[in-house]
Amino acid sequence: ENTVVYHETLQHGESRQYVLHHLTPGELYEFKVSYPATQPFTFTISFSDTLAEVLPQRKLLDIEKEEFVPSVDTLYVTVTAHDYRRAIKRAPHVSFSVYYERVHNGVPAQAYR
């Protein structure tokens, strides 16, 4: 029902793709990226139901949720790190976690159990 990936790292401009399987089409889900506020990075997240089609992107700061409603049972999510200190020495990498789960009216499904 949900997946957590801890201790991921990316450098500026690098991306990592996640494949979300066994989604229920038409149901609402959240996808979260969290990282230390002390790291000078932002993230771009994009959803696609194929490897070629990129859907709208959104920048995430510190921790923020992106809600999505899949139209298929498998979705590809690409997370890209951006170091925003361009004029200063870049950070070597950023550590982050990703998490997704089904929600109902903005409340995680597991809260109803």
Protein backbone atom coordinates (compact mmCIF):
# COMPACT_ATOMS: atom_id res chain seq x y z
CA GLU A 1 0.00 0.00 0.00
CA ASN A 2 2.89 2.41 0.66
CA THR A 3 6.64 2.49 0.16
CA VAL A 4 9.42 4.30 2.00
CA VAL A 5 12.96 4.66 0.65
CA TYR A 6 15.51 6.06 3.08
CA HIS A 7 19.04 7.40 2.72
CA GLU A 8 18.97 8.22 -0.98
CA THR A 9 21.51 10.73 -2.29
CA LEU A 10 21.69 12.82 -5.46
CA GLN A 11 24.07 15.46 -6.74
CA HIS A 12 22.99 18.71 -8.42
CA GLY A 13 21.11 17.98 -11.62
CA GLU A 14 20.93 14.23 -11.02
CA SER A 15 17.62 12.36 -11.14
CA ARG A 16 16.34 9.12 -9.74
CA GLN A 17 13.26 7.35 -11.08
CA TYR A 18 10.83 5.36 -8.96
CA VAL A 19 8.23 2.93 -10.28
CA LEU A 20 5.00 2.83 -8.26
CA HIS A 21 3.24 -0.50 -8.85
CA HIS A 22 -0.21 -1.80 -7.91
CA LEU A 23 -1.84 1.64 -7.79
CA THR A 24 -5.61 1.80 -7.93
CA PRO A 25 -6.60 3.99 -10.92
CA GLY A 26 -8.86 6.87 -9.88
CA GLU A 27 -7.74 6.82 -6.21
CA LEU A 28 -5.89 9.76 -4.63
CA TYR A 29 -2.27 9.25 -3.51
CA GLU A 30 0.49 11.42 -2.00
CA PHE A 31 4.14 11.34 -3.03
CA LYS A 32 6.54 13.04 -0.60
CA VAL A 33 10.22 13.96 -0.74
CA SER A 34 11.80 15.02 2.54
CA TYR A 35 15.30 16.31 3.21
CA PRO A 36 17.17 18.43 5.79
CA ALA A 37 16.25 22.11 5.69
CA THR A 38 19.95 22.88 6.18
CA GLN A 39 20.76 21.49 2.72
CA PRO A 40 20.59 24.15 -0.03
CA PHE A 41 18.59 22.01 -2.45
CA THR A 42 15.18 22.00 -4.05
CA PHE A 43 13.61 19.07 -5.88
CA THR A 44 11.57 18.74 -9.03
CA ILE A 45 9.12 15.86 -9.21
CA SER A 46 7.42 14.62 -12.36
CA PHE A 47 4.86 11.88 -12.96
CA SER A 48 4.42 9.77 -16.08
CA ASP A 49 2.49 6.66 -17.01
CA THR A 50 5.18 5.76 -19.54
CA LEU A 51 8.92 6.30 -19.59
CA ALA A 52 8.63 8.83 -22.44
CA GLU A 53 5.74 11.07 -21.32
CA VAL A 54 6.54 13.65 -18.64
CA LEU A 55 3.60 15.16 -16.77
CA PRO A 56 3.61 18.54 -14.90
CA GLN A 57 6.50 19.24 -12.51
CA ARG A 58 6.50 20.86 -9.10
CA LYS A 59 9.37 22.09 -6.93
CA LEU A 60 9.43 20.71 -3.39
CA LEU A 61 10.99 22.48 -0.41
CA ASP A 62 12.12 20.63 2.75
CA ILE A 63 9.08 18.37 2.86
CA GLU A 64 5.95 18.74 0.86
CA LYS A 65 3.35 16.44 -0.56
CA GLU A 66 2.27 16.09 -4.15
CA GLU A 67 -1.13 14.49 -4.58
CA PHE A 68 -1.87 12.53 -7.74
CA VAL A 69 -4.61 10.34 -9.17
CA PRO A 70 -3.20 7.63 -11.44
CA SER A 71 -5.09 6.53 -14.55
CA VAL A 72 -3.11 3.26 -14.70
CA ASP A 73 -1.80 0.81 -12.07
CA THR A 74 1.89 1.61 -12.68
CA LEU A 75 3.35 5.12 -12.59
CA TYR A 76 6.91 6.40 -13.05
CA VAL A 77 8.07 9.19 -10.75
CA THR A 78 11.28 11.10 -11.43
CA VAL A 79 12.90 13.13 -8.63
CA THR A 80 15.63 15.62 -9.62
CA ALA A 81 17.86 17.52 -7.14
CA HIS A 82 18.78 21.18 -7.71
CA ASP A 83 21.44 22.99 -5.65
CA TYR A 84 20.24 26.59 -5.54
CA ARG A 85 23.57 28.09 -4.36
CA ARG A 86 24.82 28.64 -7.90
CA ALA A 87 27.21 31.50 -7.11
CA ILE A 88 28.68 29.74 -4.07
CA LYS A 89 30.45 26.40 -3.86
CA ARG A 90 27.93 23.65 -4.59
CA ALA A 91 27.08 21.02 -2.01
CA PRO A 92 28.42 17.60 -3.04
CA HIS A 93 25.05 15.85 -2.62
CA VAL A 94 21.74 15.88 -0.77
CA SER A 95 20.21 13.07 1.28
CA PHE A 96 16.47 12.56 1.04
CA SER A 97 13.61 10.13 1.57
CA VAL A 98 10.56 9.40 -0.56
CA TYR A 99 7.20 8.04 0.53
CA TYR A 100 3.85 7.44 -1.09
CA GLU A 101 0.50 6.18 0.11
CA ARG A 102 -3.20 6.24 -0.69
CA VAL A 103 -5.19 9.06 0.96
CA HIS A 104 -8.90 9.76 1.48
CA ASN A 105 -9.95 13.41 1.78
CA GLY A 106 -6.33 14.36 2.45
CA VAL A 107 -5.97 11.83 5.30
CA PRO A 108 -3.67 8.81 4.86
CA ALA A 109 -5.62 5.57 4.39
CA GLN A 110 -3.75 3.93 7.27
CA ALA A 111 -5.29 6.46 9.68
CA TYR A 112 -8.68 4.81 9.11
CA ARG A 113 -7.45 1.39 10.31
